[in-house]
Amino acid sequence: MSSLRMLLSAEQIHDRICELGAQIDRDLPEGPIYFIAILKGACIFLADLVRATKTPARIEFIGISSYGKGKTSSGEVKLTKDLDVSIEGYDVIVVEDIVDSGITLSYLMQLLAQRRPKSLRIASLLDKPEHRQRPVVVHYRGFEIPDEFVVGYGLDYAEDYRNLPDVCVLSDIS
């Protein structure tokens, strides 16, 4: 049977997202900014992050995967949903729930850079730099966390636990 241990409370998450929103407003005050959420896990973080900014914002979604239904990256990246608009000439912030191996984001950043945005940055709620396999620069980092498997606040295990308001460590997965 799986067990959950709270790592970050909903209140801690909310407070940090407000700080990130203020930082984005200082860095990119003109707008509009395209916030591109990586489906599915980043959608909750995206909603809260956009509401924490005052800069005019536009929202887009992209689907990309290297996990499947497991706990570790397969190392094989595939695009499952592309953008619906051109991002050429716009400030773009890729919104991710967690940066782990860096495999997915490294691929995605190269793909999006070819589309000639004005600027291209990453906002991630969580970051596990010690687990990195590819270099990735996270411009707006919510929390650096230890190398444990986490769920909640949009993050899942086999599509479960996304609705938890806190980020929790999931252990004893059978």
Protein backbone atom coordinates (compact mmCIF):
# COMPACT_ATOMS: atom_id res chain seq x y z
CA MET A 1 0.00 0.00 0.00
CA SER A 2 1.25 3.50 -0.89
CA SER A 3 1.80 6.15 1.74
CA LEU A 4 1.91 9.95 1.49
CA ARG A 5 4.08 12.38 3.45
CA MET A 6 3.52 16.11 2.99
CA LEU A 7 6.55 17.91 1.57
CA LEU A 8 5.02 21.32 0.74
CA SER A 9 1.73 22.67 2.06
CA ALA A 10 -0.84 24.44 -0.09
CA GLU A 11 -0.04 27.64 1.82
CA GLN A 12 3.71 27.38 1.12
CA ILE A 13 2.95 26.78 -2.56
CA HIS A 14 0.58 29.76 -2.74
CA ASP A 15 3.06 32.12 -1.07
CA ARG A 16 5.91 31.09 -3.38
CA ILE A 17 3.78 31.43 -6.51
CA CYS A 18 2.89 35.00 -5.48
CA GLU A 19 6.63 35.74 -5.22
CA LEU A 20 7.25 34.20 -8.65
CA GLY A 21 4.43 36.26 -10.17
CA ALA A 22 5.96 39.47 -8.80
CA GLN A 23 9.37 38.46 -10.19
CA ILE A 24 7.88 37.83 -13.64
CA ASP A 25 6.15 41.23 -13.54
CA ARG A 26 9.50 42.89 -12.78
CA ASP A 27 11.34 40.97 -15.50
CA LEU A 28 8.72 41.25 -18.25
CA PRO A 29 6.49 44.24 -17.47
CA GLU A 30 5.29 44.99 -21.01
CA GLY A 31 3.61 41.80 -22.15
CA PRO A 32 1.86 40.03 -23.46
CA ILE A 33 3.62 36.94 -22.21
CA TYR A 34 2.75 33.52 -23.59
CA PHE A 35 2.61 31.08 -20.70
CA ILE A 36 2.90 27.60 -22.21
CA ALA A 37 1.89 24.83 -19.84
CA ILE A 38 3.16 21.33 -20.36
CA LEU A 39 0.19 19.00 -20.07
CA LYS A 40 -1.09 17.60 -17.87
CA GLY A 41 0.78 18.21 -14.65
CA ALA A 42 1.53 21.93 -15.07
CA CYS A 43 -2.06 23.12 -15.59
CA ILE A 44 -2.74 23.79 -11.89
CA PHE A 45 0.56 25.65 -11.45
CA LEU A 46 -0.15 27.61 -14.66
CA ALA A 47 -3.55 28.79 -13.44
CA ASP A 48 -2.17 30.03 -10.13
CA LEU A 49 0.97 31.56 -11.67
CA VAL A 50 -0.95 33.53 -14.30
CA ARG A 51 -3.33 34.86 -11.64
CA ALA A 52 -0.28 35.96 -9.59
CA THR A 53 1.00 38.18 -12.43
CA LYS A 54 -0.21 41.61 -13.47
CA THR A 55 1.52 41.60 -16.87
CA PRO A 56 -0.86 40.84 -19.76
CA ALA A 57 -0.81 37.09 -20.31
CA ARG A 58 -1.83 34.57 -22.92
CA ILE A 59 -2.15 30.86 -22.25
CA GLU A 60 -1.16 27.96 -24.47
CA PHE A 61 -0.74 24.24 -23.92
CA ILE A 62 1.72 21.70 -25.26
CA GLY A 63 1.81 18.00 -24.64
CA ILE A 64 5.12 16.24 -24.32
CA SER A 65 6.06 13.09 -22.51
CA SER A 66 9.03 11.01 -21.46
CA TYR A 67 7.42 9.16 -18.57
CA GLY A 68 4.47 7.09 -19.70
CA LYS A 69 2.93 5.44 -16.65
CA GLY A 70 6.16 4.84 -14.71
CA LYS A 71 8.09 6.65 -12.00
CA THR A 72 11.20 7.33 -14.06
CA SER A 73 11.82 8.91 -17.45
CA SER A 74 11.86 6.52 -20.37
CA GLY A 75 14.44 8.77 -22.04
CA GLU A 76 12.28 8.82 -25.18
CA VAL A 77 10.54 12.15 -25.74
CA LYS A 78 7.40 12.54 -27.81
CA LEU A 79 5.24 15.54 -28.66
CA THR A 80 1.62 14.65 -27.95
CA LYS A 81 0.00 18.08 -28.56
CA ASP A 82 1.49 21.08 -30.37
CA LEU A 83 0.78 24.78 -29.87
CA ASP A 84 -2.25 26.33 -31.54
CA VAL A 85 -0.55 29.71 -32.23
CA SER A 86 2.74 31.17 -33.40
CA ILE A 87 5.03 32.40 -30.60
CA GLU A 88 7.38 34.27 -32.93
CA GLY A 89 8.37 37.63 -31.44
CA TYR A 90 6.72 37.03 -28.05
CA ASP A 91 8.12 36.61 -24.56
CA VAL A 92 7.46 32.96 -23.67
CA ILE A 93 7.52 31.21 -20.32
CA VAL A 94 7.32 27.43 -20.40
CA VAL A 95 5.45 26.33 -17.30
CA GLU A 96 6.40 22.93 -15.88
CA ASP A 97 5.33 21.12 -12.74
CA ILE A 98 8.74 19.56 -12.06
CA VAL A 99 12.19 19.57 -13.66
CA ASP A 100 13.77 16.22 -13.01
CA SER A 101 16.12 14.62 -15.53
CA GLY A 102 15.87 17.61 -17.89
CA ILE A 103 15.37 15.31 -20.87
CA THR A 104 11.87 16.55 -21.70
CA LEU A 105 12.57 20.24 -21.16
CA SER A 106 15.88 20.18 -23.02
CA TYR A 107 14.09 18.77 -26.06
CA LEU A 108 11.16 21.19 -25.74
CA MET A 109 13.32 24.30 -25.33
CA GLN A 110 15.25 23.43 -28.51
CA LEU A 111 11.96 22.90 -30.35
CA LEU A 112 10.46 26.20 -29.16
CA ALA A 113 13.65 28.21 -29.79
CA GLN A 114 13.33 27.29 -33.48
CA ARG A 115 10.01 29.18 -33.48
CA ARG A 116 11.83 32.48 -32.81
CA PRO A 117 10.26 33.84 -29.63
CA LYS A 118 11.52 37.20 -28.31
CA SER A 119 12.60 35.43 -25.12
CA LEU A 120 12.22 31.89 -23.82
CA ARG A 121 12.25 31.08 -20.11
CA ILE A 122 11.21 28.26 -17.79
CA ALA A 123 9.02 28.46 -14.70
CA SER A 124 8.88 25.27 -12.66
CA LEU A 125 7.10 24.68 -9.41
CA LEU A 126 9.62 22.01 -8.40
CA ASP A 127 13.24 21.33 -9.32
CA LYS A 128 15.42 18.27 -8.63
CA PRO A 129 18.82 19.46 -9.87
CA GLU A 130 20.73 16.49 -8.43
CA HIS A 131 18.81 14.18 -10.78
CA ARG A 132 19.63 16.18 -13.93
CA GLN A 133 20.80 14.30 -17.03
CA ARG A 134 20.53 17.25 -19.46
CA PRO A 135 21.41 20.89 -18.72
CA VAL A 136 18.33 23.07 -18.14
CA VAL A 137 18.15 26.63 -16.79
CA VAL A 138 15.11 27.24 -14.60
CA HIS A 139 14.49 31.00 -14.52
CA TYR A 140 11.56 30.90 -12.09
CA ARG A 141 11.92 28.09 -9.54
CA GLY A 142 9.30 27.46 -6.92
CA PHE A 143 11.12 24.95 -4.74
CA GLU A 144 14.23 22.81 -4.95
CA ILE A 145 13.35 19.38 -3.62
CA PRO A 146 15.23 16.18 -2.78
CA ASP A 147 15.28 13.22 -5.15
CA GLU A 148 12.00 11.67 -4.01
CA PHE A 149 8.88 10.80 -6.02
CA VAL A 150 6.25 13.48 -5.42
CA VAL A 151 2.55 13.83 -6.23
CA GLY A 152 -0.16 16.40 -5.72
CA TYR A 153 -0.81 19.91 -7.00
CA GLY A 154 -1.02 18.54 -10.54
CA LEU A 155 1.69 15.89 -10.26
CA ASP A 156 0.53 12.32 -10.60
CA TYR A 157 1.37 8.67 -10.34
CA ALA A 158 -0.45 6.77 -13.11
CA GLU A 159 -2.96 9.68 -13.33
CA ASP A 160 -3.84 9.60 -9.59
CA TYR A 161 -3.17 12.22 -6.87
CA ARG A 162 -3.27 15.32 -9.14
CA ASN A 163 -6.06 16.86 -7.06
CA LEU A 164 -4.14 16.96 -3.76
CA PRO A 165 -3.67 20.60 -2.65
CA ASP A 166 -0.22 19.85 -1.18
CA VAL A 167 2.90 18.30 -2.72
CA CYS A 168 3.51 14.94 -1.05
CA VAL A 169 6.17 12.26 -1.22
CA LEU A 170 4.69 8.98 -2.44
CA SER A 171 6.40 5.92 -1.06
CA ASP A 172 5.87 2.16 -0.91
CA ILE A 173 4.48 2.03 -4.45
CA SER A 174 3.59 -1.52 -5.37
